[in-house]
C-alpha atoms as a PDB file:
ATOM      1  CA  MET A   1     -30.008 104.278 118.629  1.00  0.00           C
ATOM      2  CA  ILE A   2     -28.998 107.461 117.324  1.00  0.00           C
ATOM      3  CA  THR A   3     -32.084 108.648 116.075  1.00  0.00           C
ATOM      4  CA  ASP A   4     -31.509 110.401 112.360  1.00  0.00           C
ATOM      5  CA  ARG A   5     -32.783 113.986 112.682  1.00  0.00           C
ATOM      6  CA  ARG A   6     -32.758 115.697 109.435  1.00  0.00           C
ATOM      7  CA  VAL A   7     -32.854 119.763 109.234  1.00  0.00           C
ATOM      8  CA  PHE A   8     -33.570 121.107 105.880  1.00  0.00           C
ATOM      9  CA  PHE A   9     -32.409 124.823 105.570  1.00  0.00           C
ATOM     10  CA  VAL A  10     -33.838 126.697 102.638  1.00  0.00           C
ATOM     11  CA  GLY A  11     -32.927 130.017 101.643  1.00  0.00           C
ATOM     12  CA  ASP A  12     -30.644 132.450 100.144  1.00  0.00           C
ATOM     13  CA  SER A  13     -27.120 133.661 100.312  1.00  0.00           C
ATOM     14  CA  PHE A  14     -27.358 134.281 104.271  1.00  0.00           C
ATOM     15  CA  VAL A  15     -28.107 131.102 104.735  1.00  0.00           C
ATOM     16  CA  ALA A  16     -25.274 129.554 101.953  1.00  0.00           C
ATOM     17  CA  GLY A  17     -22.875 131.534 104.513  1.00  0.00           C
ATOM     18  CA  VAL A  18     -21.594 134.162 102.159  1.00  0.00           C
ATOM     19  CA  GLY A  19     -18.801 135.961 103.001  1.00  0.00           C
ATOM     20  CA  ASP A  20     -18.059 133.857 106.054  1.00  0.00           C
ATOM     21  CA  PRO A  21     -14.099 132.489 105.694  1.00  0.00           C
ATOM     22  CA  ASP A  22     -14.917 129.588 107.941  1.00  0.00           C
ATOM     23  CA  HIS A  23     -17.804 128.488 105.536  1.00  0.00           C
ATOM     24  CA  ARG A  24     -19.496 127.679 108.612  1.00  0.00           C
ATOM     25  CA  GLY A  25     -22.490 130.624 108.432  1.00  0.00           C
ATOM     26  CA  TRP A  26     -25.103 130.857 110.978  1.00  0.00           C
ATOM     27  CA  VAL A  27     -26.163 127.322 110.051  1.00  0.00           C
ATOM     28  CA  GLY A  28     -23.011 125.696 110.339  1.00  0.00           C
ATOM     29  CA  ARG A  29     -22.866 127.157 113.946  1.00  0.00           C
ATOM     30  CA  LEU A  30     -26.545 125.679 114.932  1.00  0.00           C
ATOM     31  CA  ALA A  31     -25.490 122.912 114.482  1.00  0.00           C
ATOM     32  CA  ALA A  32     -22.176 122.616 115.380  1.00  0.00           C
ATOM     33  CA  ARG A  33     -24.258 123.768 118.513  1.00  0.00           C
ATOM     34  CA  SER A  34     -26.481 120.936 118.730  1.00  0.00           C
ATOM     35  CA  HIS A  35     -24.375 118.760 118.090  1.00  0.00           C
ATOM     36  CA  GLN A  36     -22.081 119.365 121.464  1.00  0.00           C
ATOM     37  CA  ALA A  37     -25.979 119.603 123.453  1.00  0.00           C
ATOM     38  CA  GLY A  38     -26.379 115.390 122.576  1.00  0.00           C
ATOM     39  CA  VAL A  39     -28.519 116.525 119.620  1.00  0.00           C
ATOM     40  CA  PRO A  40     -26.597 115.635 116.255  1.00  0.00           C
ATOM     41  CA  LEU A  41     -28.373 116.160 113.336  1.00  0.00           C
ATOM     42  CA  THR A  42     -27.849 116.339 109.165  1.00  0.00           C
ATOM     43  CA  THR A  43     -28.029 119.375 108.076  1.00  0.00           C
ATOM     44  CA  TYR A  44     -28.888 120.603 104.097  1.00  0.00           C
ATOM     45  CA  ASN A  45     -27.887 123.671 103.707  1.00  0.00           C
ATOM     46  CA  LEU A  46     -30.114 124.827 100.125  1.00  0.00           C
ATOM     47  CA  GLY A  47     -29.532 127.987 100.356  1.00  0.00           C
ATOM     48  CA  VAL A  48     -28.796 129.715  97.175  1.00  0.00           C
ATOM     49  CA  ARG A  49     -27.415 133.388  96.238  1.00  0.00           C
ATOM     50  CA  ARG A  50     -29.767 135.941  94.931  1.00  0.00           C
ATOM     51  CA  ASP A  51     -32.922 133.357  95.782  1.00  0.00           C
ATOM     52  CA  THR A  52     -36.187 135.802  96.386  1.00  0.00           C
ATOM     53  CA  SER A  53     -39.152 134.247  98.017  1.00  0.00           C
ATOM     54  CA  GLU A  54     -40.261 133.341  94.604  1.00  0.00           C
ATOM     55  CA  ASP A  55     -37.247 131.183  93.896  1.00  0.00           C
ATOM     56  CA  VAL A  56     -37.492 129.389  97.290  1.00  0.00           C
ATOM     57  CA  CYS A  57     -41.279 128.410  97.110  1.00  0.00           C
ATOM     58  CA  ARG A  58     -40.884 126.858  94.035  1.00  0.00           C
ATOM     59  CA  ARG A  59     -37.740 125.078  94.644  1.00  0.00           C
ATOM     60  CA  TRP A  60     -37.877 124.018  98.030  1.00  0.00           C
ATOM     61  CA  PRO A  61     -40.480 121.093  97.666  1.00  0.00           C
ATOM     62  CA  SER A  62     -38.746 118.947  95.180  1.00  0.00           C
ATOM     63  CA  GLU A  63     -35.035 119.753  96.962  1.00  0.00           C
ATOM     64  CA  VAL A  64     -36.310 118.885 100.125  1.00  0.00           C
ATOM     65  CA  SER A  65     -38.752 116.171  99.329  1.00  0.00           C
ATOM     66  CA  ALA A  66     -35.312 113.911  97.717  1.00  0.00           C
ATOM     67  CA  ARG A  67     -33.813 114.846 100.833  1.00  0.00           C
ATOM     68  CA  ARG A  68     -36.294 112.776 102.978  1.00  0.00           C
ATOM     69  CA  ALA A  69     -36.593 109.497 104.367  1.00  0.00           C
ATOM     70  CA  PRO A  70     -39.592 106.974 105.935  1.00  0.00           C
ATOM     71  CA  GLY A  71     -39.017 107.319 110.166  1.00  0.00           C
ATOM     72  CA  CYS A  72     -36.706 109.800 110.070  1.00  0.00           C
ATOM     73  CA  ASP A  73     -37.355 113.094 112.503  1.00  0.00           C
ATOM     74  CA  GLU A  74     -37.619 115.939 109.647  1.00  0.00           C
ATOM     75  CA  ARG A  75     -37.594 119.677 110.392  1.00  0.00           C
ATOM     76  CA  LEU A  76     -37.665 122.948 107.869  1.00  0.00           C
ATOM     77  CA  VAL A  77     -36.123 126.146 108.393  1.00  0.00           C
ATOM     78  CA  VAL A  78     -36.603 128.733 105.682  1.00  0.00           C
ATOM     79  CA  SER A  79     -35.026 132.328 105.879  1.00  0.00           C
ATOM     80  CA  PHE A  80     -35.198 135.124 102.848  1.00  0.00           C
ATOM     81  CA  GLY A  81     -36.691 138.077 102.240  1.00  0.00           C
ATOM     82  CA  VAL A  82     -32.864 140.701 101.807  1.00  0.00           C
ATOM     83  CA  ASN A  83     -33.457 139.872  97.873  1.00  0.00           C
ATOM     84  CA  ASP A  84     -36.968 140.291  97.409  1.00  0.00           C
ATOM     85  CA  THR A  85     -36.531 144.169  98.389  1.00  0.00           C
ATOM     86  CA  THR A  86     -33.300 144.450  95.943  1.00  0.00           C
ATOM     87  CA  VAL A  87     -34.176 147.344  93.420  1.00  0.00           C
ATOM     88  CA  GLU A  88     -33.137 146.433  89.808  1.00  0.00           C
ATOM     89  CA  GLY A  89     -34.334 148.791  87.108  1.00  0.00           C
ATOM     90  CA  GLY A  90     -36.175 150.874  88.970  1.00  0.00           C
ATOM     91  CA  THR A  91     -38.374 147.934  90.581  1.00  0.00           C
ATOM     92  CA  GLN A  92     -38.349 146.040  93.947  1.00  0.00           C
ATOM     93  CA  ARG A  93     -37.394 142.349  92.366  1.00  0.00           C
ATOM     94  CA  VAL A  94     -40.179 141.020  94.511  1.00  0.00           C
ATOM     95  CA  ARG A  95     -43.067 143.315  95.375  1.00  0.00           C
ATOM     96  CA  THR A  96     -43.791 143.346  99.806  1.00  0.00           C
ATOM     97  CA  ALA A  97     -47.432 141.676  99.344  1.00  0.00           C
ATOM     98  CA  ARG A  98     -46.080 138.733  96.611  1.00  0.00           C
ATOM     99  CA  SER A  99     -43.421 138.100  99.732  1.00  0.00           C
ATOM    100  CA  VAL A 100     -45.962 137.799 102.301  1.00  0.00           C
ATOM    101  CA  ALA A 101     -47.757 135.529  99.736  1.00  0.00           C
ATOM    102  CA  ASN A 102     -44.729 133.240  99.360  1.00  0.00           C
ATOM    103  CA  LEU A 103     -44.418 132.826 103.423  1.00  0.00           C
ATOM    104  CA  ARG A 104     -47.816 131.798 103.416  1.00  0.00           C
ATOM    105  CA  ALA A 105     -47.570 129.153 100.693  1.00  0.00           C
ATOM    106  CA  VAL A 106     -44.085 127.827 102.157  1.00  0.00           C
ATOM    107  CA  ILE A 107     -46.007 127.441 105.906  1.00  0.00           C
ATOM    108  CA  ASP A 108     -49.234 125.740 103.897  1.00  0.00           C
ATOM    109  CA  GLY A 109     -46.630 123.187 102.510  1.00  0.00           C
ATOM    110  CA  ALA A 110     -44.629 122.846 105.352  1.00  0.00           C
ATOM    111  CA  ALA A 111     -47.890 122.005 107.277  1.00  0.00           C
ATOM    112  CA  ALA A 112     -49.537 119.332 104.517  1.00  0.00           C
ATOM    113  CA  ALA A 113     -45.995 118.001 104.506  1.00  0.00           C
ATOM    114  CA  ARG A 114     -46.159 117.422 107.923  1.00  0.00           C
ATOM    115  CA  LEU A 115     -42.816 119.405 108.827  1.00  0.00           C
ATOM    116  CA  PRO A 116     -42.368 121.318 111.549  1.00  0.00           C
ATOM    117  CA  LEU A 117     -41.376 124.916 110.351  1.00  0.00           C
ATOM    118  CA  LEU A 118     -38.886 127.524 111.712  1.00  0.00           C
ATOM    119  CA  VAL A 119     -38.871 130.798 109.728  1.00  0.00           C
ATOM    120  CA  VAL A 120     -36.017 133.062 110.320  1.00  0.00           C
ATOM    121  CA  GLY A 121     -36.361 136.808 109.582  1.00  0.00           C
ATOM    122  CA  PRO A 122     -34.203 138.590 107.064  1.00  0.00           C
ATOM    123  CA  PRO A 123     -30.992 140.693 108.581  1.00  0.00           C
ATOM    124  CA  PRO A 124     -30.395 143.832 107.547  1.00  0.00           C
ATOM    125  CA  VAL A 125     -27.801 145.912 104.800  1.00  0.00           C
ATOM    126  CA  ASP A 126     -25.872 148.741 103.866  1.00  0.00           C
ATOM    127  CA  ASP A 127     -28.252 150.662 102.259  1.00  0.00           C
ATOM    128  CA  PRO A 128     -30.602 153.131 104.804  1.00  0.00           C
ATOM    129  CA  GLU A 129     -33.673 152.912 102.037  1.00  0.00           C
ATOM    130  CA  GLN A 130     -33.289 148.847 101.562  1.00  0.00           C
ATOM    131  CA  ASN A 131     -33.580 148.515 105.431  1.00  0.00           C
ATOM    132  CA  GLN A 132     -36.772 150.451 105.749  1.00  0.00           C
ATOM    133  CA  ARG A 133     -37.958 147.889 103.177  1.00  0.00           C
ATOM    134  CA  ILE A 134     -36.070 144.896 105.078  1.00  0.00           C
ATOM    135  CA  GLU A 135     -37.717 146.472 108.443  1.00  0.00           C
ATOM    136  CA  THR A 136     -41.464 146.202 106.895  1.00  0.00           C
ATOM    137  CA  LEU A 137     -41.478 143.224 105.562  1.00  0.00           C
ATOM    138  CA  SER A 138     -39.724 141.577 108.689  1.00  0.00           C
ATOM    139  CA  GLU A 139     -42.711 143.268 110.225  1.00  0.00           C
ATOM    140  CA  LEU A 140     -45.139 141.506 108.519  1.00  0.00           C
ATOM    141  CA  PHE A 141     -43.664 138.185 108.076  1.00  0.00           C
ATOM    142  CA  ARG A 142     -43.681 137.847 112.284  1.00  0.00           C
ATOM    143  CA  ALA A 143     -47.128 138.545 112.202  1.00  0.00           C
ATOM    144  CA  VAL A 144     -47.718 135.638 109.465  1.00  0.00           C
ATOM    145  CA  CYS A 145     -46.387 133.051 111.184  1.00  0.00           C
ATOM    146  CA  GLY A 146     -47.626 134.776 114.567  1.00  0.00           C
ATOM    147  CA  GLU A 147     -51.153 134.004 112.870  1.00  0.00           C
ATOM    148  CA  ALA A 148     -49.824 129.919 111.960  1.00  0.00           C
ATOM    149  CA  SER A 149     -48.340 129.841 115.226  1.00  0.00           C
ATOM    150  CA  VAL A 150     -44.993 129.539 113.601  1.00  0.00           C
ATOM    151  CA  PRO A 151     -41.927 130.189 115.492  1.00  0.00           C
ATOM    152  CA  TYR A 152     -40.344 133.299 114.407  1.00  0.00           C
ATOM    153  CA  VAL A 153     -36.892 134.728 114.780  1.00  0.00           C
ATOM    154  CA  GLU A 154     -36.819 138.622 113.740  1.00  0.00           C
ATOM    155  CA  THR A 155     -33.205 139.366 112.993  1.00  0.00           C
ATOM    156  CA  PHE A 156     -33.700 143.101 111.831  1.00  0.00           C
ATOM    157  CA  GLU A 157     -33.592 144.937 114.830  1.00  0.00           C
ATOM    158  CA  LEU A 158     -31.555 143.505 116.813  1.00  0.00           C
ATOM    159  CA  LEU A 159     -28.562 142.916 113.960  1.00  0.00           C
ATOM    160  CA  ALA A 160     -29.226 147.338 112.862  1.00  0.00           C
ATOM    161  CA  ALA A 161     -27.944 148.026 116.147  1.00  0.00           C
ATOM    162  CA  GLU A 162     -25.235 145.732 116.034  1.00  0.00           C
ATOM    163  CA  PRO A 163     -21.904 147.560 115.509  1.00  0.00           C
ATOM    164  CA  ARG A 164     -20.100 144.280 114.692  1.00  0.00           C
ATOM    165  CA  TRP A 165     -22.743 143.212 112.106  1.00  0.00           C
ATOM    166  CA  MET A 166     -22.905 146.799 110.554  1.00  0.00           C
ATOM    167  CA  SER A 167     -19.409 147.223 110.235  1.00  0.00           C
ATOM    168  CA  GLU A 168     -18.910 143.891 108.958  1.00  0.00           C
ATOM    169  CA  VAL A 169     -21.272 144.197 106.381  1.00  0.00           C
ATOM    170  CA  ARG A 170     -19.681 147.678 105.396  1.00  0.00           C
ATOM    171  CA  ARG A 171     -16.094 145.879 105.219  1.00  0.00           C
ATOM    172  CA  GLY A 172     -17.896 142.653 103.053  1.00  0.00           C
ATOM    173  CA  ASP A 173     -19.592 143.339  99.904  1.00  0.00           C
ATOM    174  CA  GLY A 174     -22.893 145.453 101.759  1.00  0.00           C
ATOM    175  CA  ALA A 175     -24.764 142.772 102.522  1.00  0.00           C
ATOM    176  CA  HIS A 176     -23.426 139.500 103.874  1.00  0.00           C
ATOM    177  CA  PRO A 177     -21.226 139.745 107.257  1.00  0.00           C
ATOM    178  CA  GLY A 178     -18.047 137.812 108.005  1.00  0.00           C
ATOM    179  CA  ALA A 179     -17.349 134.946 110.580  1.00  0.00           C
ATOM    180  CA  GLY A 180     -17.863 137.408 113.768  1.00  0.00           C
ATOM    181  CA  GLY A 181     -21.471 138.459 112.037  1.00  0.00           C
ATOM    182  CA  TYR A 182     -22.833 134.843 111.312  1.00  0.00           C
ATOM    183  CA  ALA A 183     -21.541 133.844 114.587  1.00  0.00           C
ATOM    184  CA  LEU A 184     -23.882 137.028 115.721  1.00  0.00           C
ATOM    185  CA  LEU A 185     -26.987 136.201 113.776  1.00  0.00           C
ATOM    186  CA  ALA A 186     -26.151 132.263 114.776  1.00  0.00           C
ATOM    187  CA  ASP A 187     -26.371 133.709 118.121  1.00  0.00           C
ATOM    188  CA  LEU A 188     -29.744 135.475 117.930  1.00  0.00           C
ATOM    189  CA  VAL A 189     -31.087 132.116 116.627  1.00  0.00           C
ATOM    190  CA  LEU A 190     -29.834 129.950 118.962  1.00  0.00           C
ATOM    191  CA  PRO A 191     -32.823 130.702 122.197  1.00  0.00           C
ATOM    192  CA  GLN A 192     -35.576 129.937 119.717  1.00  0.00           C
ATOM    193  CA  TRP A 193     -33.646 127.031 117.744  1.00  0.00           C
ATOM    194  CA  GLN A 194     -33.269 125.605 121.034  1.00  0.00           C
ATOM    195  CA  THR A 195     -37.181 126.035 122.110  1.00  0.00           C
ATOM    196  CA  TRP A 196     -37.940 124.696 118.617  1.00  0.00           C
ATOM    197  CA  ILE A 197     -35.837 121.603 118.811  1.00  0.00           C
ATOM    198  CA  ALA A 198     -36.666 120.469 122.628  1.00  0.00           C
ATOM    199  CA  ALA A 199     -40.891 121.174 122.047  1.00  0.00           C
ATOM    200  CA  LEU A 200     -40.258 119.049 118.583  1.00  0.00           C
ATOM    201  CA  MET A 201     -37.863 116.364 120.365  1.00  0.00           C
ATOM    202  CA  GLY A 202     -40.283 116.182 123.618  1.00  0.00           C
ATOM    203  CA  GLN A 203     -43.846 115.516 121.231  1.00  0.00           C
ATOM    204  CA  SER A 204     -41.250 112.596 119.583  1.00  0.00           C
ATOM    205  CA  HIS A 205     -41.225 110.939 122.921  1.00  0.00           C
END
C-alpha cells in the first residue's frame, strides 16, 4: 500500500516558481526528485506572489487544514522574507522584528498542529541594499529555527555567490530567476530535504 504522504509548501513567489518557463520552480523539482527516489508525494504549492510573512502567517492554517486528511503522513514547508524587506513608500513592508515574530508564530502553530516543519530561507535579489536586509533576516531566521530545533535551509549566502542565479535574476525581473536558477535552489534545498524526509519516515515506522 502506498502511503498518502502530503507536503504543504506555503510562501511567496519563489515558492510559486515565478519566472520559471518550465513552471516547476524548486518545489516541483524537489517533488520529482523524491518520486525518483521512491518517495512519492502529493505536493500542494501554496505560494502567493507578493506575500509577506504577515500574509503567510495569517493564511497558512486554514489553507493547510483544508488539504489535510486523517491517516496521512503530512508535513509543512514554509519560505518567505524577501517581500518583507521590500521598501515601498519609504517604509519596509514588514519590520524585521515582526518578520521574526511571524516565523516564531508559524513554528508554534506547526507544532500545535503536529506538522513537521522545514523552513527555507529567503534568496538574494538584484538590489544590494535590499540584499543586506535579506541577509540579516536570513541570519535571524536561522537562529530562531535553531532555538526551536526546526531544520533551516540557508539559501542567501550561496546563491549570492552563484553567478548563474544572479545573472538569471538580472535578466528577469530583478528578483526571480529562470529554470536554471530554480534548479540551483532545488539542489541547495535537496540535502536538508532528504535528511528531513528520511528522518520523518523513520519516525513513522
